[in-house]
């Protein structure tokens, strides 16, 4: 089974591993927190940060890519303490 979070499609097992380790999914301009709902037994992501990017400004990661990061890594990447460490 696959899970779609923003523009990223991942196998459920990979999302489960990220969720269990408390990681966030970082895309070109967005950061998603991962959740699991027991009622429907599925994983999903909720956007917690959107980079207001201007032309010529770099994204958080390369366009079309994603990274799984800890809260501390995300805070360092965006330049302020958004997430609880």
C-alpha atoms as a PDB file:
ATOM      1  CA  UNK A   1       0.000   0.000   0.000  1.00  0.00           C
ATOM      2  CA  UNK A   2       1.248   3.521  -0.741  1.00  0.00           C
ATOM      3  CA  UNK A   3       0.766   6.779   1.133  1.00  0.00           C
ATOM      4  CA  UNK A   4       0.664  10.178  -0.573  1.00  0.00           C
ATOM      5  CA  UNK A   5       1.860  13.145   1.477  1.00  0.00           C
ATOM      6  CA  UNK A   6       1.897  16.388  -0.477  1.00  0.00           C
ATOM      7  CA  UNK A   7       3.732  15.556  -3.691  1.00  0.00           C
ATOM      8  CA  UNK A   8       5.525  12.523  -2.230  1.00  0.00           C
ATOM      9  CA  UNK A   9       4.343   8.931  -2.709  1.00  0.00           C
ATOM     10  CA  UNK A  10       5.879   6.446  -0.273  1.00  0.00           C
ATOM     11  CA  UNK A  11       5.349   2.820   0.741  1.00  0.00           C
ATOM     12  CA  UNK A  12       3.367   2.533   3.964  1.00  0.00           C
ATOM     13  CA  UNK A  13       6.245   0.685   5.646  1.00  0.00           C
ATOM     14  CA  UNK A  14       8.587   3.632   5.053  1.00  0.00           C
ATOM     15  CA  UNK A  15       6.061   6.155   6.401  1.00  0.00           C
ATOM     16  CA  UNK A  16       5.526   3.902   9.438  1.00  0.00           C
ATOM     17  CA  UNK A  17       9.279   3.886  10.108  1.00  0.00           C
ATOM     18  CA  UNK A  18       9.478   7.694   9.839  1.00  0.00           C
ATOM     19  CA  UNK A  19       6.442   8.049  12.136  1.00  0.00           C
ATOM     20  CA  UNK A  20       7.874   5.696  14.769  1.00  0.00           C
ATOM     21  CA  UNK A  21      11.139   7.670  14.840  1.00  0.00           C
ATOM     22  CA  UNK A  22       9.306  11.017  15.094  1.00  0.00           C
ATOM     23  CA  UNK A  23      10.624  12.341  11.787  1.00  0.00           C
ATOM     24  CA  UNK A  24       9.160  15.093   9.616  1.00  0.00           C
ATOM     25  CA  UNK A  25       8.897  14.990   5.834  1.00  0.00           C
ATOM     26  CA  UNK A  26      10.550  17.979   4.143  1.00  0.00           C
ATOM     27  CA  UNK A  27       9.804  18.828   0.500  1.00  0.00           C
ATOM     28  CA  UNK A  28      10.865  21.761  -1.689  1.00  0.00           C
ATOM     29  CA  UNK A  29       8.799  24.389   0.174  1.00  0.00           C
ATOM     30  CA  UNK A  30       6.862  22.467   2.845  1.00  0.00           C
ATOM     31  CA  UNK A  31       7.341  20.516   6.065  1.00  0.00           C
ATOM     32  CA  UNK A  32       4.852  17.785   6.993  1.00  0.00           C
ATOM     33  CA  UNK A  33       4.292  16.155  10.380  1.00  0.00           C
ATOM     34  CA  UNK A  34       3.313  12.489  10.151  1.00  0.00           C
ATOM     35  CA  UNK A  35       0.309  11.007  11.931  1.00  0.00           C
ATOM     36  CA  UNK A  36      -1.422   7.640  12.251  1.00  0.00           C
ATOM     37  CA  UNK A  37      -5.162   7.267  12.671  1.00  0.00           C
ATOM     38  CA  UNK A  38      -6.213   4.057  14.397  1.00  0.00           C
ATOM     39  CA  UNK A  39      -9.846   4.435  13.308  1.00  0.00           C
ATOM     40  CA  UNK A  40      -9.037   4.048   9.606  1.00  0.00           C
ATOM     41  CA  UNK A  41      -5.620   2.424  10.152  1.00  0.00           C
ATOM     42  CA  UNK A  42      -3.684   4.710   7.866  1.00  0.00           C
ATOM     43  CA  UNK A  43      -0.840   7.205   7.903  1.00  0.00           C
ATOM     44  CA  UNK A  44      -1.116  10.780   6.701  1.00  0.00           C
ATOM     45  CA  UNK A  45       0.824  14.021   6.804  1.00  0.00           C
ATOM     46  CA  UNK A  46      -0.230  17.492   7.865  1.00  0.00           C
ATOM     47  CA  UNK A  47       1.648  20.563   6.645  1.00  0.00           C
ATOM     48  CA  UNK A  48       3.222  22.474   9.539  1.00  0.00           C
ATOM     49  CA  UNK A  49       5.391  24.951   7.594  1.00  0.00           C
ATOM     50  CA  UNK A  50       5.335  26.561   4.151  1.00  0.00           C
ATOM     51  CA  UNK A  51       8.366  28.489   2.897  1.00  0.00           C
ATOM     52  CA  UNK A  52       7.259  31.812   1.362  1.00  0.00           C
ATOM     53  CA  UNK A  53       9.796  31.483  -1.429  1.00  0.00           C
ATOM     54  CA  UNK A  54      10.615  34.271  -3.840  1.00  0.00           C
ATOM     55  CA  UNK A  55      12.100  33.875  -7.309  1.00  0.00           C
ATOM     56  CA  UNK A  56      15.777  32.979  -7.087  1.00  0.00           C
ATOM     57  CA  UNK A  57      15.555  31.891  -3.454  1.00  0.00           C
ATOM     58  CA  UNK A  58      16.486  28.237  -2.839  1.00  0.00           C
ATOM     59  CA  UNK A  59      13.979  25.720  -1.504  1.00  0.00           C
ATOM     60  CA  UNK A  60      14.358  23.588   1.602  1.00  0.00           C
ATOM     61  CA  UNK A  61      15.541  20.592  -0.453  1.00  0.00           C
ATOM     62  CA  UNK A  62      16.020  20.099  -4.195  1.00  0.00           C
ATOM     63  CA  UNK A  63      12.859  20.371  -6.275  1.00  0.00           C
ATOM     64  CA  UNK A  64      11.217  16.956  -6.719  1.00  0.00           C
ATOM     65  CA  UNK A  65      13.063  15.475  -3.726  1.00  0.00           C
ATOM     66  CA  UNK A  66      12.219  14.961  -0.074  1.00  0.00           C
ATOM     67  CA  UNK A  67      14.073  14.283   3.156  1.00  0.00           C
ATOM     68  CA  UNK A  68      12.989  12.806   6.462  1.00  0.00           C
ATOM     69  CA  UNK A  69      14.378  14.961   9.285  1.00  0.00           C
ATOM     70  CA  UNK A  70      14.199  15.316  13.044  1.00  0.00           C
ATOM     71  CA  UNK A  71      12.580  18.372  14.626  1.00  0.00           C
ATOM     72  CA  UNK A  72      16.032  19.738  15.491  1.00  0.00           C
ATOM     73  CA  UNK A  73      17.216  19.387  11.882  1.00  0.00           C
ATOM     74  CA  UNK A  74      14.059  21.087  10.558  1.00  0.00           C
ATOM     75  CA  UNK A  75      14.457  23.985  13.018  1.00  0.00           C
ATOM     76  CA  UNK A  76      18.055  24.441  11.905  1.00  0.00           C
ATOM     77  CA  UNK A  77      17.043  24.284   8.222  1.00  0.00           C
ATOM     78  CA  UNK A  78      14.308  26.935   8.473  1.00  0.00           C
ATOM     79  CA  UNK A  79      16.316  29.155  10.826  1.00  0.00           C
ATOM     80  CA  UNK A  80      14.045  29.345  13.862  1.00  0.00           C
ATOM     81  CA  UNK A  81      12.496  27.104  16.537  1.00  0.00           C
ATOM     82  CA  UNK A  82       9.175  26.041  15.044  1.00  0.00           C
ATOM     83  CA  UNK A  83       9.058  22.439  16.256  1.00  0.00           C
ATOM     84  CA  UNK A  84       9.434  21.111  19.785  1.00  0.00           C
ATOM     85  CA  UNK A  85      12.662  19.156  20.160  1.00  0.00           C
END
